[in-house]
Protein backbone atom coordinates (compact mmCIF):
# COMPACT_ATOMS: atom_id res chain seq x y z
CA MET A 1 12.78 -18.26 -3.15
CA THR A 2 14.87 -15.53 -1.55
CA SER A 3 13.95 -13.11 1.22
CA VAL A 4 15.28 -9.54 1.28
CA THR A 5 16.40 -8.13 4.62
CA LEU A 6 17.46 -4.56 5.34
CA GLU A 7 19.37 -3.96 8.57
CA GLY A 8 19.90 -0.38 9.78
CA LEU A 9 19.90 0.89 6.19
CA ALA A 10 20.64 4.59 5.85
CA LYS A 11 21.48 7.05 3.09
CA SER A 12 22.45 10.69 3.38
CA PHE A 13 22.92 13.18 0.58
CA GLY A 14 25.06 15.85 2.21
CA ALA A 15 23.21 17.04 5.30
CA THR A 16 19.93 15.48 4.11
CA LYS A 17 18.98 12.09 5.55
CA ALA A 18 16.94 10.41 2.81
CA VAL A 19 16.82 7.05 4.63
CA ASP A 20 17.44 6.86 8.36
CA GLY A 21 18.03 3.42 9.88
CA VAL A 22 15.49 1.19 8.12
CA THR A 23 15.29 -2.41 9.34
CA VAL A 24 12.68 -4.54 7.61
CA GLU A 25 12.22 -7.88 5.82
CA ALA A 26 10.47 -8.78 2.59
CA PRO A 27 9.61 -12.47 3.08
CA ALA A 28 10.53 -14.95 0.36
CA GLY A 29 7.87 -15.25 -2.32
CA SER A 30 5.89 -12.26 -1.06
CA LEU A 31 4.80 -8.99 -2.65
CA THR A 32 6.01 -6.29 -0.26
CA PHE A 33 5.06 -2.64 -0.74
CA LEU A 34 7.11 0.38 0.30
CA LEU A 35 4.50 3.06 0.74
CA GLY A 36 4.61 6.69 1.78
CA PRO A 37 4.35 10.30 0.62
CA SER A 38 6.81 11.90 -1.78
CA GLY A 39 10.22 12.34 -0.22
CA CYS A 40 9.82 9.57 2.40
CA GLY A 41 12.79 7.57 1.02
CA LYS A 42 11.01 4.65 -0.64
CA THR A 43 12.65 4.96 -4.08
CA THR A 44 16.08 5.50 -2.47
CA ILE A 45 15.58 2.26 -0.53
CA LEU A 46 14.61 0.41 -3.72
CA ARG A 47 17.70 1.69 -5.52
CA MET A 48 19.94 0.59 -2.64
CA ILE A 49 18.38 -2.88 -2.85
CA ALA A 50 19.09 -2.89 -6.61
CA GLY A 51 22.67 -1.75 -6.10
CA PHE A 52 22.28 1.55 -7.97
CA ILE A 53 23.00 3.59 -4.81
CA GLU A 54 25.56 2.76 -2.13
CA PRO A 55 24.21 2.97 1.44
CA THR A 56 25.80 5.37 3.89
CA ARG A 57 25.50 2.56 6.41
CA GLY A 58 23.58 -0.65 6.98
CA THR A 59 23.24 -4.01 5.26
CA VAL A 60 21.22 -5.49 2.38
CA ARG A 61 20.80 -9.28 2.42
CA PHE A 62 19.28 -11.63 -0.14
CA GLY A 63 18.55 -14.68 1.97
CA ASP A 64 21.78 -15.31 3.91
CA ARG A 65 23.89 -13.51 1.31
CA ASP A 66 25.22 -10.03 2.12
CA VAL A 67 24.92 -8.09 -1.16
CA THR A 68 25.61 -4.60 0.22
CA ALA A 69 28.88 -4.32 -1.72
CA VAL A 70 27.87 -6.53 -4.67
CA PRO A 71 27.58 -4.65 -8.01
CA ALA A 72 24.07 -4.22 -9.42
CA GLU A 73 24.69 -6.54 -12.38
CA ARG A 74 25.57 -9.42 -10.01
CA ARG A 75 22.62 -9.10 -7.63
CA GLU A 76 20.14 -11.10 -9.73
CA CYS A 77 17.50 -8.37 -9.51
CA GLY A 78 14.95 -7.49 -12.16
CA MET A 79 13.92 -3.82 -12.20
CA VAL A 80 10.75 -2.26 -13.63
CA PHE A 81 10.98 1.52 -13.77
CA GLN A 82 8.28 4.18 -13.69
CA GLY A 83 9.13 5.08 -17.28
CA TYR A 84 9.11 2.09 -19.63
CA ALA A 85 12.64 2.89 -20.98
CA LEU A 86 12.10 0.78 -24.12
CA TRP A 87 14.37 1.14 -27.15
CA PRO A 88 12.10 2.76 -29.79
CA HIS A 89 13.99 1.32 -32.77
CA MET A 90 13.76 -2.28 -31.49
CA THR A 91 10.86 -4.67 -31.63
CA VAL A 92 9.23 -6.04 -28.49
CA GLU A 93 11.24 -9.24 -28.85
CA GLN A 94 14.51 -7.35 -29.34
CA ASN A 95 13.87 -5.14 -26.31
CA VAL A 96 13.33 -8.14 -24.08
CA ALA A 97 16.35 -9.98 -25.53
CA PHE A 98 18.77 -7.05 -25.31
CA GLY A 99 20.03 -7.71 -21.78
CA LEU A 100 20.57 -11.39 -22.53
CA GLU A 101 22.63 -10.48 -25.60
CA VAL A 102 24.83 -8.22 -23.47
CA ARG A 103 25.31 -11.16 -21.09
CA LYS A 104 26.35 -13.40 -24.01
CA VAL A 105 23.51 -15.87 -23.45
CA PRO A 106 23.55 -18.41 -26.34
CA ALA A 107 21.02 -17.73 -29.11
CA ASP A 108 18.93 -20.88 -28.57
CA GLU A 109 18.56 -20.29 -24.83
CA ARG A 110 18.00 -16.56 -25.41
CA GLY A 111 15.16 -17.25 -27.81
CA ARG A 112 13.56 -19.73 -25.42
CA ARG A 113 13.76 -17.38 -22.45
CA VAL A 114 12.40 -14.40 -24.40
CA ALA A 115 9.46 -16.50 -25.60
CA GLU A 116 8.75 -17.64 -22.05
CA ALA A 117 8.88 -14.07 -20.70
CA LEU A 118 6.57 -12.73 -23.43
CA GLU A 119 4.15 -15.59 -22.86
CA MET A 120 4.16 -14.87 -19.14
CA VAL A 121 3.04 -11.25 -19.72
CA ARG A 122 0.72 -12.23 -22.62
CA MET A 123 2.64 -10.27 -25.24
CA ALA A 124 3.84 -13.13 -27.48
CA PRO A 125 1.43 -12.22 -30.35
CA LEU A 126 2.91 -8.70 -30.48
CA ALA A 127 6.59 -9.71 -30.41
CA SER A 128 7.35 -8.08 -33.79
CA ARG A 129 5.84 -4.68 -32.98
CA ARG A 130 7.79 -1.59 -31.95
CA PRO A 131 7.02 0.37 -28.76
CA ASN A 132 5.26 3.22 -30.60
CA GLU A 133 2.74 0.66 -31.90
CA LEU A 134 1.76 -0.39 -28.38
CA SER A 135 -0.58 1.02 -25.76
CA GLY A 136 0.77 2.17 -22.40
CA GLY A 137 -0.36 -1.03 -20.75
CA GLN A 138 1.31 -3.15 -23.44
CA GLN A 139 4.56 -1.19 -23.08
CA GLN A 140 4.49 -1.81 -19.35
CA ARG A 141 4.05 -5.54 -19.98
CA VAL A 142 7.15 -5.46 -22.19
CA ALA A 143 9.11 -3.68 -19.45
CA LEU A 144 7.97 -6.39 -17.03
CA ALA A 145 9.01 -9.15 -19.44
CA ARG A 146 12.43 -7.53 -19.81
CA ALA A 147 12.88 -7.66 -16.03
CA LEU A 148 11.68 -11.28 -15.78
CA VAL A 149 13.74 -12.67 -18.66
CA TYR A 150 16.84 -12.74 -16.43
CA ARG A 151 14.98 -15.11 -14.07
CA PRO A 152 15.86 -12.86 -11.14
CA GLN A 153 15.69 -13.84 -7.49
CA VAL A 154 14.14 -10.47 -6.66
CA LEU A 155 11.78 -8.29 -8.71
CA LEU A 156 11.82 -4.54 -7.97
CA LEU A 157 9.04 -2.27 -9.20
CA ASP A 158 9.30 1.52 -8.96
CA GLU A 159 5.80 3.01 -9.35
CA PRO A 160 5.29 0.94 -12.52
CA LEU A 161 1.64 1.90 -13.06
CA SER A 162 1.76 5.64 -12.42
CA ASN A 163 1.70 6.53 -16.14
CA LEU A 164 -1.38 4.44 -16.91
CA ASP A 165 -5.04 5.46 -16.83
CA ALA A 166 -7.36 4.05 -14.16
CA LYS A 167 -8.65 1.14 -16.27
CA LEU A 168 -5.16 0.00 -17.31
CA ARG A 169 -3.85 0.36 -13.76
CA HIS A 170 -6.58 -1.96 -12.53
CA GLU A 171 -5.79 -4.48 -15.29
CA MET A 172 -2.04 -4.41 -14.66
CA ARG A 173 -2.50 -4.82 -10.90
CA GLY A 174 -4.08 -8.18 -11.56
CA GLU A 175 -1.31 -9.15 -13.97
CA ILE A 176 1.47 -8.28 -11.52
CA ARG A 177 -0.25 -10.25 -8.75
CA ARG A 178 -0.69 -13.23 -11.08
CA ILE A 179 2.95 -13.21 -12.21
CA VAL A 180 4.32 -12.93 -8.66
CA ASP A 181 2.14 -15.85 -7.58
CA GLU A 182 2.99 -18.03 -10.58
CA LEU A 183 6.75 -17.44 -10.38
CA ARG A 184 6.77 -17.45 -6.56
CA ILE A 185 9.25 -14.59 -6.81
CA THR A 186 10.07 -12.08 -4.06
CA ALA A 187 8.82 -8.70 -5.24
CA ILE A 188 9.27 -5.25 -3.71
CA TYR A 189 6.98 -2.56 -5.05
CA VAL A 190 7.25 1.20 -4.48
CA THR A 191 4.16 3.39 -4.71
CA HIS A 192 2.38 6.31 -3.07
CA ASP A 193 -1.01 4.94 -4.20
CA GLN A 194 -2.79 3.55 -1.15
CA GLN A 195 -5.43 1.64 -3.12
CA GLU A 196 -2.75 -0.03 -5.23
CA ALA A 197 -0.99 -1.24 -2.10
CA LEU A 198 -4.12 -2.32 -0.23
CA SER A 199 -5.37 -4.34 -3.20
CA LEU A 200 -2.09 -6.13 -4.00
CA ALA A 201 0.25 -6.34 -1.03
CA ASP A 202 1.04 -9.31 1.15
CA ARG A 203 2.98 -6.95 3.39
CA MET A 204 3.16 -3.16 3.60
CA VAL A 205 5.94 -0.95 4.95
CA ILE A 206 4.73 2.58 5.69
CA LEU A 207 7.56 5.13 5.56
CA ARG A 208 7.76 8.67 6.86
CA ASP A 209 10.77 10.98 6.62
CA GLY A 210 13.12 8.08 5.87
CA ARG A 211 11.96 5.91 8.77
CA VAL A 212 9.59 2.97 9.14
CA GLU A 213 6.30 4.08 10.67
CA GLN A 214 4.49 0.70 10.67
CA VAL A 215 4.77 -2.73 9.03
CA GLY A 216 2.01 -5.29 8.53
CA GLY A 217 -0.63 -6.74 6.25
CA PRO A 218 -3.11 -4.46 4.43
CA ARG A 219 -6.05 -5.20 6.71
CA GLU A 220 -3.98 -4.88 9.87
CA LEU A 221 -2.61 -1.48 8.87
CA TYR A 222 -5.96 -0.17 7.66
CA GLU A 223 -7.99 -1.32 10.66
CA ARG A 224 -5.32 -1.14 13.39
CA PRO A 225 -2.99 1.78 12.62
CA THR A 226 -0.57 2.65 15.40
CA SER A 227 -0.33 6.35 14.59
CA ARG A 228 -2.46 9.15 13.24
CA PHE A 229 -0.10 9.45 10.27
CA VAL A 230 -0.69 5.85 9.17
CA ALA A 231 -4.45 6.07 9.77
CA GLU A 232 -4.88 9.20 7.67
CA PHE A 233 -2.38 8.20 4.99
CA LEU A 234 -4.25 4.97 4.20
CA GLY A 235 -7.69 6.56 3.93
CA GLU A 236 -10.27 8.88 5.43
CA ALA A 237 -10.67 8.51 9.18
CA ASN A 238 -12.62 10.21 11.92
CA MET A 239 -10.06 11.13 14.58
CA LEU A 240 -11.93 11.92 17.78
CA ASP A 241 -10.42 13.11 21.04
CA ALA A 242 -11.45 10.40 23.47
CA VAL A 243 -11.24 9.25 27.06
CA VAL A 244 -11.13 5.56 28.01
CA GLU A 245 -13.71 4.67 30.65
CA GLY A 246 -14.58 1.62 32.73
CA PRO A 247 -12.27 -0.92 34.35
CA VAL A 248 -9.45 -2.62 32.46
CA ALA A 249 -11.02 -5.60 30.68
CA ALA A 250 -10.45 -7.94 27.75
CA GLY A 251 -13.86 -7.09 26.27
CA PRO A 252 -15.33 -3.82 24.96
CA ARG A 253 -14.65 -0.68 26.97
CA PRO A 254 -16.65 2.56 26.86
CA ILE A 255 -14.92 5.36 24.95
CA ARG A 256 -16.25 8.86 25.59
CA THR A 257 -15.87 11.52 22.89
CA ALA A 258 -17.38 14.95 22.31
CA ALA A 259 -19.57 13.36 19.62
CA GLY A 260 -20.92 10.65 21.92
CA THR A 261 -19.89 7.38 23.51
CA VAL A 262 -18.88 4.21 21.64
CA GLU A 263 -17.21 0.98 22.69
CA SER A 264 -13.81 -0.35 21.64
CA LEU A 265 -12.04 -3.69 21.96
CA HIS A 266 -8.74 -1.82 21.78
CA GLY A 267 -8.75 0.17 25.01
CA GLY A 268 -6.04 -2.17 26.22
CA VAL A 269 -4.63 -1.85 29.72
CA HIS A 270 -5.06 1.91 29.85
CA PRO A 271 -6.67 3.01 33.12
CA ALA A 272 -9.97 4.84 33.14
CA GLY A 273 -9.49 8.51 32.35
CA THR A 274 -6.66 7.98 29.83
CA ALA A 275 -6.86 10.52 27.00
CA MET A 276 -6.42 8.98 23.54
CA LEU A 277 -7.59 9.32 19.94
CA ALA A 278 -10.43 7.14 18.67
CA CYS A 279 -9.94 6.30 14.98
CA ILE A 280 -13.15 5.29 13.18
CA ARG A 281 -13.34 4.77 9.41
CA PRO A 282 -16.42 6.35 7.76
CA GLU A 283 -17.53 2.98 6.32
CA SER A 284 -17.44 1.39 9.78
CA LEU A 285 -20.25 3.62 11.03
CA VAL A 286 -23.86 2.50 10.55
CA ILE A 287 -26.30 5.37 10.14
CA ARG A 288 -29.72 4.88 11.73
CA ALA A 289 -32.72 7.05 12.49
CA ALA A 290 -32.24 8.46 16.00
CA ALA A 291 -35.36 6.72 17.32
CA GLU A 292 -34.02 3.29 16.28
CA VAL A 293 -31.23 3.33 18.86
CA ALA A 294 -32.19 3.27 22.54
CA GLU A 295 -31.16 6.17 24.72
CA GLY A 296 -28.03 5.29 26.63
CA ALA A 297 -26.87 2.76 24.02
CA PRO A 298 -23.34 3.40 22.64
CA ALA A 299 -23.72 5.74 19.66
CA LEU A 300 -22.67 9.06 18.19
CA ARG A 301 -25.80 11.20 17.92
CA GLY A 302 -26.35 14.20 15.70
CA VAL A 303 -28.02 15.73 12.68
CA VAL A 304 -27.04 15.15 9.05
CA ALA A 305 -25.52 18.41 7.84
CA GLU A 306 -24.61 17.33 4.31
CA THR A 307 -25.16 14.41 1.93
CA THR A 308 -23.37 13.66 -1.32
CA TYR A 309 -25.21 10.97 -3.30
CA LEU A 310 -22.92 8.82 -5.49
CA GLY A 311 -25.27 6.08 -6.66
CA GLY A 312 -24.06 3.00 -4.86
CA LEU A 313 -22.66 5.14 -2.05
CA ALA A 314 -23.62 8.23 -0.11
CA GLN A 315 -21.19 10.39 1.85
CA HIS A 316 -22.66 12.10 4.90
CA LYS A 317 -21.34 14.76 7.25
CA VAL A 318 -23.08 14.49 10.61
CA ASP A 319 -22.95 17.31 13.16
CA CYS A 320 -22.59 15.59 16.53
CA ALA A 321 -22.78 18.35 19.16
CA GLY A 322 -20.40 20.53 17.15
CA THR A 323 -18.10 17.68 16.02
CA SER A 324 -18.28 16.79 12.32
CA VAL A 325 -18.31 13.03 11.69
CA ALA A 326 -17.90 11.50 8.21
CA VAL A 327 -20.09 8.49 7.36
CA LEU A 328 -20.09 6.33 4.25
CA GLU A 329 -23.43 4.65 3.55
CA ILE A 330 -23.54 1.72 1.11
CA ASN A 331 -26.58 1.27 -1.13
CA PRO A 332 -28.35 4.41 0.18
CA ARG A 333 -32.15 4.51 0.02
CA HIS A 334 -32.39 8.32 0.03
CA LEU A 335 -30.90 11.01 -2.20
CA SER A 336 -30.33 13.10 0.92
CA ARG A 337 -30.71 12.77 4.68
CA ARG A 338 -29.96 16.43 5.32
CA GLY A 339 -31.57 17.68 8.53
CA GLU A 340 -32.38 14.15 9.77
CA PRO A 341 -31.59 13.31 13.42
CA VAL A 342 -29.46 10.14 13.38
CA ALA A 343 -27.54 7.78 15.61
CA LEU A 344 -24.24 6.33 14.40
CA THR A 345 -23.28 2.91 15.73
CA VAL A 346 -20.04 1.02 15.24
CA ASP A 347 -18.71 -2.47 15.99
CA PRO A 348 -16.25 -2.24 18.93
CA SER A 349 -13.63 -4.07 16.85
CA GLN A 350 -13.64 -1.17 14.37
CA VAL A 351 -12.71 1.54 16.88
CA ALA A 352 -8.91 1.81 16.92
CA MET A 353 -7.31 3.61 19.83
CA LEU A 354 -4.20 5.72 19.27
CA GLY A 355 -1.91 7.55 21.65
CA LYS A 356 -2.07 11.33 21.60
């Protein structure tokens, strides 16, 4: 297995800095996601790793090997593009074998490797079909087999599921995860789809304007974002102006907001009176009848202003003294709670504190 390390990687197109000093590692055998909004530099980074674009400065390493100046065809990378880029006049088998033919791989070995790659992506029974006889998901499997047939050290995926419908995307997510685990290959995956990244990644790199905003595992980034940008990019969040109260302590500290007072384990060493942002995910809040929570207990108190019933879920907007708080209720017992006085409680571990 081979790790991929980027050191001070940068790329400018004229006066535009597409990538600005990115230093990050994709551990060997992991599935690492480059995630961010359009224009953040993630595809440019992927293409520099592949060798399709020359960096303005910085280094790309595969393990201990500096590949910054190595041509793309000698980097031992497999690439899966957003578009399938299959030859329409060739069969599935011929599409997968094409690159091996160009590399003059002997026929016996070529046939064996193509069969292995098609078996890996569960397309062996359709080897004689042409691309126009396949579904979108099947075409994507062929594109994946074509990248794997080289037995690359590194697999690069550039938004490979963006052209598929929701059902096929879900199916292919599982297939990509299975293949990465079975081959124990180092994979780097570009997407702007937060759910895709959260459901698949071992490690996530959040990018903004060509720079790294935060790196970590899915749960760490979702529950403990270090900036408002990361918190809101990864999902809905209540961002409340807050003041840390109480003495510095390792345990929960009171956090006062305009919507009420809660407790957080993440007040850190900030002295009492420090102004911060409290980040609370809607699903972290528990909605209770106001009378169920004792006066003075940590809670956000208000009146339900709006309910959207979604079957297994209900989305509420609660007016807490003029501050609107979003709440997600699982398995709701009422079609609507509109007009109901409520108290919202939250586990102190689920209240992230961000600098203003």
